[in-house]
Amino acid sequence: MTTTEFGRTLRRWRDRVSPEAAGVSVGGHRRAAGLRREELALLAGISVDYVTRLEQGRAANPSEQVVESLGRALRLSAAERVHLFHVAGLVPPGRGTVPAFITPSVQRMLDRLAGTPVAVADATWTLLLANPLYTALMGQVHGNERNAVWRNFLGSGSRVRHTPESRHALETAQVAALRSAAVRYPADQRLRRLIAELRAGSTRFADLWETGAVAGPEIAPKTIDHPLVGPLTLDCDVFSVEGSDLRILVYTAEPDTEDAERLALLGVLGTQALAE
């Protein structure tokens, strides 16, 4: 397939997705019912310029990760996702690789939890999808920083406040999660590259990897230092999606507390800032 075919397909499916269906705040008059390029770019975590070049056939060979992100942003069905990979000249990820397809039922659940920070991550803790309130809470992340393990060991970290003990517990759990994923998905080259980069770039990661430590995710309230509304202490629950190896992260505040008030305020201030 040609890059022009991919661009036509991308534009056609962008035009059919309403901003409301994609969880995008709508303000002012719109000439078209579908998503704007900048909205698709924001949802997919890529630049507007790259979306433009893909649609116009001026960019060739989009990566598997880019195609997967575009498919999620466009809310494609399983069959449409396969078609998008094919017109991009790629083979859809198969067995032995980390699943990244978000089912329509999970999409609907996120849509119904608009007032709660919710995100979906894969088995390697790469962020696949986040609703606007989660993005307002945790900030936008791009590129390698979409992977929580890379971000904590090699990147800028997160807004979550840590003690030395809680950071060690987090790091141990993250290394154990990658080790477990590597066993389940031995054919995933992206996972292999991620582990190799972490072992080479972080002494802490390499030491934990060599120890063979096993640990589950830390289930405890988390304090997020937010630049707009101040610190919020929230419960963070992680749910697994049966049959897809996805993790759903849900942050909630205890009712009638200052944290609940700050989270409600963030629902106004933070999402407005993202829409600007």
C-alpha atoms as a PDB file:
ATOM      1  CA  MET A   1       0.000   0.000   0.000  1.00  0.00           C
ATOM      2  CA  THR A   2       1.162   3.553  -0.650  1.00  0.00           C
ATOM      3  CA  THR A   3       1.567   6.333   1.866  1.00  0.00           C
ATOM      4  CA  THR A   4      -1.247   8.127   0.014  1.00  0.00           C
ATOM      5  CA  GLU A   5      -3.583   5.231   0.813  1.00  0.00           C
ATOM      6  CA  PHE A   6      -2.629   5.426   4.484  1.00  0.00           C
ATOM      7  CA  GLY A   7      -3.181   9.185   4.483  1.00  0.00           C
ATOM      8  CA  ARG A   8      -6.607   8.880   2.856  1.00  0.00           C
ATOM      9  CA  THR A   9      -7.646   6.230   5.368  1.00  0.00           C
ATOM     10  CA  LEU A  10      -6.409   8.327   8.274  1.00  0.00           C
ATOM     11  CA  ARG A  11      -8.251  11.420   7.076  1.00  0.00           C
ATOM     12  CA  ARG A  12     -11.464   9.508   6.394  1.00  0.00           C
ATOM     13  CA  TRP A  13     -11.538   7.970   9.857  1.00  0.00           C
ATOM     14  CA  ARG A  14     -10.554  11.249  11.524  1.00  0.00           C
ATOM     15  CA  ASP A  15     -13.517  12.953   9.877  1.00  0.00           C
ATOM     16  CA  ARG A  16     -16.000  10.426  11.236  1.00  0.00           C
ATOM     17  CA  VAL A  17     -14.968  10.638  14.925  1.00  0.00           C
ATOM     18  CA  SER A  18     -16.788  13.365  16.824  1.00  0.00           C
ATOM     19  CA  PRO A  19     -14.848  15.289  19.500  1.00  0.00           C
ATOM     20  CA  GLU A  20     -17.425  14.248  22.088  1.00  0.00           C
ATOM     21  CA  ALA A  21     -16.925  10.554  21.283  1.00  0.00           C
ATOM     22  CA  ALA A  22     -13.161  10.976  21.639  1.00  0.00           C
ATOM     23  CA  GLY A  23     -13.456  12.800  24.963  1.00  0.00           C
ATOM     24  CA  VAL A  24     -12.336  16.172  23.562  1.00  0.00           C
ATOM     25  CA  SER A  25     -13.812  19.383  24.978  1.00  0.00           C
ATOM     26  CA  VAL A  26     -15.580  21.383  22.271  1.00  0.00           C
ATOM     27  CA  GLY A  27     -15.604  25.160  22.297  1.00  0.00           C
ATOM     28  CA  GLY A  28     -16.770  27.638  19.682  1.00  0.00           C
ATOM     29  CA  HIS A  29     -17.890  27.072  16.095  1.00  0.00           C
ATOM     30  CA  ARG A  30     -16.530  24.097  14.173  1.00  0.00           C
ATOM     31  CA  ARG A  31     -16.592  23.802  10.399  1.00  0.00           C
ATOM     32  CA  ALA A  32     -16.415  20.022  10.454  1.00  0.00           C
ATOM     33  CA  ALA A  33     -17.991  17.405  12.698  1.00  0.00           C
ATOM     34  CA  GLY A  34     -14.887  15.234  13.028  1.00  0.00           C
ATOM     35  CA  LEU A  35     -11.629  15.611  14.906  1.00  0.00           C
ATOM     36  CA  ARG A  36      -9.198  18.365  14.005  1.00  0.00           C
ATOM     37  CA  ARG A  37      -5.640  17.373  13.237  1.00  0.00           C
ATOM     38  CA  GLU A  38      -4.386  18.976  16.430  1.00  0.00           C
ATOM     39  CA  GLU A  39      -6.970  17.023  18.436  1.00  0.00           C
ATOM     40  CA  LEU A  40      -5.951  13.729  16.850  1.00  0.00           C
ATOM     41  CA  ALA A  41      -2.295  14.589  17.468  1.00  0.00           C
ATOM     42  CA  LEU A  42      -2.981  15.289  21.151  1.00  0.00           C
ATOM     43  CA  LEU A  43      -4.934  12.061  21.597  1.00  0.00           C
ATOM     44  CA  ALA A  44      -2.273   9.994  19.827  1.00  0.00           C
ATOM     45  CA  GLY A  45       0.689  11.689  21.499  1.00  0.00           C
ATOM     46  CA  ILE A  46       2.369  12.774  18.254  1.00  0.00           C
ATOM     47  CA  SER A  47       2.972  16.178  16.627  1.00  0.00           C
ATOM     48  CA  VAL A  48       0.404  18.000  14.494  1.00  0.00           C
ATOM     49  CA  ASP A  49       3.026  18.371  11.769  1.00  0.00           C
ATOM     50  CA  TYR A  50       3.494  14.601  11.636  1.00  0.00           C
ATOM     51  CA  VAL A  51      -0.268  13.993  11.374  1.00  0.00           C
ATOM     52  CA  THR A  52      -0.389  16.513   8.515  1.00  0.00           C
ATOM     53  CA  ARG A  53       2.483  14.863   6.662  1.00  0.00           C
ATOM     54  CA  LEU A  54       0.964  11.404   7.123  1.00  0.00           C
ATOM     55  CA  GLU A  55      -2.392  12.533   5.739  1.00  0.00           C
ATOM     56  CA  GLN A  56      -0.784  14.275   2.790  1.00  0.00           C
ATOM     57  CA  GLY A  57       1.434  11.299   1.962  1.00  0.00           C
ATOM     58  CA  ARG A  58       4.634  13.266   2.699  1.00  0.00           C
ATOM     59  CA  ALA A  59       5.698  10.975   5.576  1.00  0.00           C
ATOM     60  CA  ALA A  60       6.509   7.345   4.897  1.00  0.00           C
ATOM     61  CA  ASN A  61       6.881   4.275   7.106  1.00  0.00           C
ATOM     62  CA  PRO A  62       5.056   5.234  10.320  1.00  0.00           C
ATOM     63  CA  SER A  63       6.214   3.080  13.204  1.00  0.00           C
ATOM     64  CA  GLU A  64       4.145   0.337  14.776  1.00  0.00           C
ATOM     65  CA  GLN A  65       3.794   2.471  17.903  1.00  0.00           C
ATOM     66  CA  VAL A  66       2.485   5.462  15.920  1.00  0.00           C
ATOM     67  CA  VAL A  67      -0.065   3.338  14.045  1.00  0.00           C
ATOM     68  CA  GLU A  68      -1.210   1.732  17.307  1.00  0.00           C
ATOM     69  CA  SER A  69      -1.611   5.157  18.930  1.00  0.00           C
ATOM     70  CA  LEU A  70      -3.568   6.515  15.968  1.00  0.00           C
ATOM     71  CA  GLY A  71      -5.830   3.468  16.013  1.00  0.00           C
ATOM     72  CA  ARG A  72      -6.625   4.000  19.686  1.00  0.00           C
ATOM     73  CA  ALA A  73      -7.263   7.724  19.206  1.00  0.00           C
ATOM     74  CA  LEU A  74      -9.609   6.984  16.300  1.00  0.00           C
ATOM     75  CA  ARG A  75     -11.413   4.279  18.301  1.00  0.00           C
ATOM     76  CA  LEU A  76     -11.020   1.675  15.610  1.00  0.00           C
ATOM     77  CA  SER A  77     -12.555  -1.763  15.790  1.00  0.00           C
ATOM     78  CA  ALA A  78     -10.276  -4.809  15.762  1.00  0.00           C
ATOM     79  CA  ALA A  79     -10.803  -5.266  11.990  1.00  0.00           C
ATOM     80  CA  GLU A  80     -10.185  -1.564  11.279  1.00  0.00           C
ATOM     81  CA  ARG A  81      -7.011  -1.651  13.372  1.00  0.00           C
ATOM     82  CA  VAL A  82      -5.693  -4.542  11.278  1.00  0.00           C
ATOM     83  CA  HIS A  83      -6.545  -2.606   8.096  1.00  0.00           C
ATOM     84  CA  LEU A  84      -4.698   0.492   9.339  1.00  0.00           C
ATOM     85  CA  PHE A  85      -1.583  -1.583   9.953  1.00  0.00           C
ATOM     86  CA  HIS A  86      -1.862  -3.096   6.479  1.00  0.00           C
ATOM     87  CA  VAL A  87      -2.192   0.244   4.671  1.00  0.00           C
ATOM     88  CA  ALA A  88       0.820   1.442   6.671  1.00  0.00           C
ATOM     89  CA  GLY A  89       2.771  -1.477   5.234  1.00  0.00           C
ATOM     90  CA  LEU A  90       3.050  -3.200   8.621  1.00  0.00           C
ATOM     91  CA  VAL A  91       2.041  -6.555  10.053  1.00  0.00           C
ATOM     92  CA  PRO A  92      -0.277  -6.132  13.065  1.00  0.00           C
ATOM     93  CA  PRO A  93       1.367  -7.244  16.318  1.00  0.00           C
ATOM     94  CA  GLY A  94       0.539 -10.879  16.962  1.00  0.00           C
ATOM     95  CA  ARG A  95       0.990 -13.492  19.612  1.00  0.00           C
ATOM     96  CA  GLY A  96       4.165 -13.171  21.608  1.00  0.00           C
ATOM     97  CA  THR A  97       4.041  -9.369  21.665  1.00  0.00           C
ATOM     98  CA  VAL A  98       2.632  -7.069  24.342  1.00  0.00           C
ATOM     99  CA  PRO A  99      -1.085  -6.415  23.659  1.00  0.00           C
ATOM    100  CA  ALA A 100      -1.994  -2.769  23.121  1.00  0.00           C
ATOM    101  CA  PHE A 101      -5.518  -2.974  21.665  1.00  0.00           C
ATOM    102  CA  ILE A 102      -8.145  -1.273  23.817  1.00  0.00           C
ATOM    103  CA  THR A 103     -11.551  -2.861  23.394  1.00  0.00           C
ATOM    104  CA  PRO A 104     -14.685  -0.742  22.841  1.00  0.00           C
ATOM    105  CA  SER A 105     -15.980  -1.837  26.264  1.00  0.00           C
ATOM    106  CA  VAL A 106     -12.909  -0.372  27.992  1.00  0.00           C
ATOM    107  CA  GLN A 107     -13.301   2.822  25.929  1.00  0.00           C
ATOM    108  CA  ARG A 108     -16.916   3.111  27.079  1.00  0.00           C
ATOM    109  CA  MET A 109     -15.886   2.657  30.698  1.00  0.00           C
ATOM    110  CA  LEU A 110     -13.403   5.529  30.405  1.00  0.00           C
ATOM    111  CA  ASP A 111     -16.089   7.683  28.787  1.00  0.00           C
ATOM    112  CA  ARG A 112     -18.415   7.072  31.743  1.00  0.00           C
ATOM    113  CA  LEU A 113     -15.722   7.970  34.294  1.00  0.00           C
ATOM    114  CA  ALA A 114     -15.103  11.469  32.960  1.00  0.00           C
ATOM    115  CA  GLY A 115     -15.125  12.909  36.491  1.00  0.00           C
ATOM    116  CA  THR A 116     -12.448  10.481  37.698  1.00  0.00           C
ATOM    117  CA  PRO A 117      -8.771  10.361  36.644  1.00  0.00           C
ATOM    118  CA  VAL A 118      -8.457   7.104  34.687  1.00  0.00           C
ATOM    119  CA  ALA A 119      -5.701   5.728  32.452  1.00  0.00           C
ATOM    120  CA  VAL A 120      -4.926   2.478  30.652  1.00  0.00           C
ATOM    121  CA  ALA A 121      -1.425   0.984  30.497  1.00  0.00           C
ATOM    122  CA  ASP A 122      -0.071  -2.160  28.887  1.00  0.00           C
ATOM    123  CA  ALA A 123       1.916  -4.956  30.539  1.00  0.00           C
ATOM    124  CA  THR A 124       5.130  -2.889  30.344  1.00  0.00           C
ATOM    125  CA  TRP A 125       3.484   0.116  32.015  1.00  0.00           C
ATOM    126  CA  THR A 126       3.396   2.125  28.801  1.00  0.00           C
ATOM    127  CA  LEU A 127       0.533   4.619  28.866  1.00  0.00           C
ATOM    128  CA  LEU A 128      -1.930   3.750  26.116  1.00  0.00           C
ATOM    129  CA  LEU A 129      -4.829   6.045  26.900  1.00  0.00           C
ATOM    130  CA  ALA A 130      -5.764   8.607  29.542  1.00  0.00           C
ATOM    131  CA  ASN A 131      -8.877  10.678  30.032  1.00  0.00           C
ATOM    132  CA  PRO A 132      -8.543  14.482  30.277  1.00  0.00           C
ATOM    133  CA  LEU A 133      -8.737  14.541  34.081  1.00  0.00           C
ATOM    134  CA  TYR A 134      -5.905  12.008  34.416  1.00  0.00           C
ATOM    135  CA  THR A 135      -3.788  14.092  32.022  1.00  0.00           C
ATOM    136  CA  ALA A 136      -4.616  17.234  34.013  1.00  0.00           C
ATOM    137  CA  LEU A 137      -3.589  15.437  37.215  1.00  0.00           C
ATOM    138  CA  MET A 138      -0.368  13.816  36.038  1.00  0.00           C
ATOM    139  CA  GLY A 139       0.641  16.049  33.126  1.00  0.00           C
ATOM    140  CA  GLN A 140       1.120  15.216  29.463  1.00  0.00           C
ATOM    141  CA  VAL A 141       3.845  12.740  28.560  1.00  0.00           C
ATOM    142  CA  HIS A 142       5.340  11.994  25.159  1.00  0.00           C
ATOM    143  CA  GLY A 143       7.775   9.577  23.580  1.00  0.00           C
ATOM    144  CA  ASN A 144       9.757   7.385  25.970  1.00  0.00           C
ATOM    145  CA  GLU A 145       8.192   9.147  28.958  1.00  0.00           C
ATOM    146  CA  ARG A 146       4.907   7.406  28.202  1.00  0.00           C
ATOM    147  CA  ASN A 147       6.523   4.349  29.747  1.00  0.00           C
ATOM    148  CA  ALA A 148       6.391   4.711  33.537  1.00  0.00           C
ATOM    149  CA  VAL A 149       9.456   2.529  34.106  1.00  0.00           C
ATOM    150  CA  TRP A 150      11.614   4.521  31.660  1.00  0.00           C
ATOM    151  CA  ARG A 151      10.295   7.778  33.099  1.00  0.00           C
ATOM    152  CA  ASN A 152      11.139   6.802  36.690  1.00  0.00           C
ATOM    153  CA  PHE A 153      14.605   5.381  35.997  1.00  0.00           C
ATOM    154  CA  LEU A 154      15.830   7.532  33.085  1.00  0.00           C
ATOM    155  CA  GLY A 155      13.395  10.409  32.644  1.00  0.00           C
ATOM    156  CA  SER A 156      11.822  13.248  34.561  1.00  0.00           C
ATOM    157  CA  GLY A 157       9.909  11.166  37.099  1.00  0.00           C
ATOM    158  CA  SER A 158       6.314  11.948  38.009  1.00  0.00           C
ATOM    159  CA  ARG A 159       4.297  14.263  40.223  1.00  0.00           C
ATOM    160  CA  VAL A 160       3.822  11.518  42.830  1.00  0.00           C
ATOM    161  CA  ARG A 161       5.633  12.258  46.098  1.00  0.00           C
ATOM    162  CA  HIS A 162       7.890   9.475  47.397  1.00  0.00           C
ATOM    163  CA  THR A 163       9.793   8.524  50.498  1.00  0.00           C
ATOM    164  CA  PRO A 164      13.006   6.519  49.978  1.00  0.00           C
ATOM    165  CA  GLU A 165      11.072   3.414  51.040  1.00  0.00           C
ATOM    166  CA  SER A 166       8.128   3.970  48.703  1.00  0.00           C
ATOM    167  CA  ARG A 167      10.445   4.755  45.779  1.00  0.00           C
ATOM    168  CA  HIS A 168      12.377   1.542  46.343  1.00  0.00           C
ATOM    169  CA  ALA A 169       9.113  -0.423  46.495  1.00  0.00           C
ATOM    170  CA  LEU A 170       7.932   1.218  43.262  1.00  0.00           C
ATOM    171  CA  GLU A 171      11.184   0.534  41.446  1.00  0.00           C
ATOM    172  CA  THR A 172      11.273  -3.087  42.603  1.00  0.00           C
ATOM    173  CA  ALA A 173       7.687  -3.620  41.424  1.00  0.00           C
ATOM    174  CA  GLN A 174       8.380  -1.994  38.049  1.00  0.00           C
ATOM    175  CA  VAL A 175      11.467  -4.120  37.392  1.00  0.00           C
ATOM    176  CA  ALA A 176       9.530  -7.231  38.391  1.00  0.00           C
ATOM    177  CA  ALA A 177       6.708  -6.250  36.015  1.00  0.00           C
ATOM    178  CA  LEU A 178       9.100  -5.931  33.075  1.00  0.00           C
ATOM    179  CA  ARG A 179      10.756  -9.238  33.925  1.00  0.00           C
ATOM    180  CA  SER A 180       7.358 -10.943  34.016  1.00  0.00           C
ATOM    181  CA  ALA A 181       6.328  -9.308  30.723  1.00  0.00           C
ATOM    182  CA  ALA A 182       9.566 -10.456  29.068  1.00  0.00           C
ATOM    183  CA  VAL A 183       8.723 -14.054  29.999  1.00  0.00           C
ATOM    184  CA  ARG A 184       5.154 -13.783  28.675  1.00  0.00           C
ATOM    185  CA  TYR A 185       6.092 -11.934  25.467  1.00  0.00           C
ATOM    186  CA  PRO A 186       9.469 -13.278  24.306  1.00  0.00           C
ATOM    187  CA  ALA A 187       8.941 -12.127  20.701  1.00  0.00           C
ATOM    188  CA  ASP A 188       8.382  -8.469  21.582  1.00  0.00           C
ATOM    189  CA  GLN A 189      11.414  -6.616  20.211  1.00  0.00           C
ATOM    190  CA  ARG A 190      10.315  -3.260  21.628  1.00  0.00           C
ATOM    191  CA  LEU A 191      10.216  -4.751  25.121  1.00  0.00           C
ATOM    192  CA  ARG A 192      13.702  -6.203  24.628  1.00  0.00           C
ATOM    193  CA  ARG A 193      15.032  -2.811  23.541  1.00  0.00           C
ATOM    194  CA  LEU A 194      13.390  -1.111  26.525  1.00  0.00           C
ATOM    195  CA  ILE A 195      14.977  -3.521  28.995  1.00  0.00           C
ATOM    196  CA  ALA A 196      18.392  -3.232  27.312  1.00  0.00           C
ATOM    197  CA  GLU A 197      18.230   0.573  27.417  1.00  0.00           C
ATOM    198  CA  LEU A 198      17.233   0.575  31.079  1.00  0.00           C
ATOM    199  CA  ARG A 199      19.981  -1.864  32.054  1.00  0.00           C
ATOM    200  CA  ALA A 200      22.571   0.202  30.196  1.00  0.00           C
ATOM    201  CA  GLY A 201      21.376   3.606  31.404  1.00  0.00           C
ATOM    202  CA  SER A 202      20.393   3.025  35.027  1.00  0.00           C
ATOM    203  CA  THR A 203      22.567   1.376  37.666  1.00  0.00           C
ATOM    204  CA  ARG A 204      19.543   1.098  39.962  1.00  0.00           C
ATOM    205  CA  PHE A 205      17.561  -0.772  37.305  1.00  0.00           C
ATOM    206  CA  ALA A 206      20.498  -3.042  36.447  1.00  0.00           C
ATOM    207  CA  ASP A 207      21.081  -3.924  40.113  1.00  0.00           C
ATOM    208  CA  LEU A 208      17.403  -4.732  40.704  1.00  0.00           C
ATOM    209  CA  TRP A 209      17.260  -6.739  37.474  1.00  0.00           C
ATOM    210  CA  GLU A 210      20.236  -8.857  38.551  1.00  0.00           C
ATOM    211  CA  THR A 211      18.747  -9.595  41.981  1.00  0.00           C
ATOM    212  CA  GLY A 212      15.681 -11.191  40.395  1.00  0.00           C
ATOM    213  CA  ALA A 213      13.431  -9.417  42.897  1.00  0.00           C
ATOM    214  CA  VAL A 214       9.727 -10.171  42.608  1.00  0.00           C
ATOM    215  CA  ALA A 215       7.061  -7.758  43.847  1.00  0.00           C
ATOM    216  CA  GLY A 216       3.563  -6.611  43.027  1.00  0.00           C
ATOM    217  CA  PRO A 217       2.386  -3.009  42.596  1.00  0.00           C
ATOM    218  CA  GLU A 218       2.287  -0.947  45.764  1.00  0.00           C
ATOM    219  CA  ILE A 219      -1.330  -0.436  46.861  1.00  0.00           C
ATOM    220  CA  ALA A 220      -1.332   2.687  49.020  1.00  0.00           C
ATOM    221  CA  PRO A 221      -2.642   6.269  48.880  1.00  0.00           C
ATOM    222  CA  LYS A 222      -0.479   8.538  46.734  1.00  0.00           C
ATOM    223  CA  THR A 223       0.244  12.233  47.204  1.00  0.00           C
ATOM    224  CA  ILE A 224       0.488  14.139  43.921  1.00  0.00           C
ATOM    225  CA  ASP A 225       2.167  17.550  43.989  1.00  0.00           C
ATOM    226  CA  HIS A 226       0.153  19.491  41.438  1.00  0.00           C
ATOM    227  CA  PRO A 227       1.365  22.895  40.158  1.00  0.00           C
ATOM    228  CA  LEU A 228      -2.146  24.385  39.953  1.00  0.00           C
ATOM    229  CA  VAL A 229      -4.161  23.041  42.891  1.00  0.00           C
ATOM    230  CA  GLY A 230      -1.434  21.939  45.295  1.00  0.00           C
ATOM    231  CA  PRO A 231      -0.946  18.504  46.860  1.00  0.00           C
ATOM    232  CA  LEU A 232      -3.684  15.882  46.571  1.00  0.00           C
ATOM    233  CA  THR A 233      -3.678  12.575  48.445  1.00  0.00           C
ATOM    234  CA  LEU A 234      -5.664  10.050  46.434  1.00  0.00           C
ATOM    235  CA  ASP A 235      -6.335   6.345  46.438  1.00  0.00           C
ATOM    236  CA  CYS A 236      -4.904   4.609  43.379  1.00  0.00           C
ATOM    237  CA  ASP A 237      -6.473   1.296  42.383  1.00  0.00           C
ATOM    238  CA  VAL A 238      -5.156  -0.855  39.546  1.00  0.00           C
ATOM    239  CA  PHE A 239      -7.522  -3.222  37.743  1.00  0.00           C
ATOM    240  CA  SER A 240      -6.664  -5.893  35.190  1.00  0.00           C
ATOM    241  CA  VAL A 241      -8.667  -6.455  32.000  1.00  0.00           C
ATOM    242  CA  GLU A 242      -9.375 -10.136  31.523  1.00  0.00           C
ATOM    243  CA  GLY A 243      -7.829 -11.574  28.379  1.00  0.00           C
ATOM    244  CA  SER A 244      -5.945  -8.463  27.274  1.00  0.00           C
ATOM    245  CA  ASP A 245      -3.196  -7.931  29.898  1.00  0.00           C
ATOM    246  CA  LEU A 246      -4.094  -4.255  30.271  1.00  0.00           C
ATOM    247  CA  ARG A 247      -3.995  -2.276  33.521  1.00  0.00           C
ATOM    248  CA  ILE A 248      -6.581   0.359  34.371  1.00  0.00           C
ATOM    249  CA  LEU A 249      -5.465   2.991  36.876  1.00  0.00           C
ATOM    250  CA  VAL A 250      -8.194   4.819  38.784  1.00  0.00           C
ATOM    251  CA  TYR A 251      -7.538   7.709  41.189  1.00  0.00           C
ATOM    252  CA  THR A 252     -10.234   8.694  43.712  1.00  0.00           C
ATOM    253  CA  ALA A 253     -10.479  11.059  46.666  1.00  0.00           C
ATOM    254  CA  GLU A 254     -12.201  10.364  49.943  1.00  0.00           C
ATOM    255  CA  PRO A 255     -15.539  12.236  49.894  1.00  0.00           C
ATOM    256  CA  ASP A 256     -15.959  15.523  51.751  1.00  0.00           C
ATOM    257  CA  THR A 257     -12.238  16.175  52.079  1.00  0.00           C
ATOM    258  CA  GLU A 258      -9.919  18.927  50.909  1.00  0.00           C
ATOM    259  CA  ASP A 259      -8.472  16.431  48.451  1.00  0.00           C
ATOM    260  CA  ALA A 260     -11.903  15.892  46.915  1.00  0.00           C
ATOM    261  CA  GLU A 261     -12.363  19.663  46.601  1.00  0.00           C
ATOM    262  CA  ARG A 262      -8.983  20.060  44.923  1.00  0.00           C
ATOM    263  CA  LEU A 263      -9.717  17.213  42.523  1.00  0.00           C
ATOM    264  CA  ALA A 264     -13.035  18.847  41.601  1.00  0.00           C
ATOM    265  CA  LEU A 265     -11.238  22.161  41.058  1.00  0.00           C
ATOM    266  CA  LEU A 266      -8.697  20.411  38.862  1.00  0.00           C
ATOM    267  CA  GLY A 267     -11.587  19.040  36.803  1.00  0.00           C
ATOM    268  CA  VAL A 268     -12.330  22.651  35.857  1.00  0.00           C
ATOM    269  CA  LEU A 269      -8.940  24.364  35.775  1.00  0.00           C
ATOM    270  CA  GLY A 270      -6.830  21.510  34.478  1.00  0.00           C
ATOM    271  CA  THR A 271      -9.047  20.368  31.639  1.00  0.00           C
ATOM    272  CA  GLN A 272      -9.583  23.986  30.565  1.00  0.00           C
ATOM    273  CA  ALA A 273      -5.801  24.425  30.334  1.00  0.00           C
ATOM    274  CA  LEU A 274      -5.514  21.301  28.171  1.00  0.00           C
ATOM    275  CA  ALA A 275      -8.211  22.588  25.809  1.00  0.00           C
ATOM    276  CA  GLU A 276      -6.489  25.952  25.274  1.00  0.00           C
END
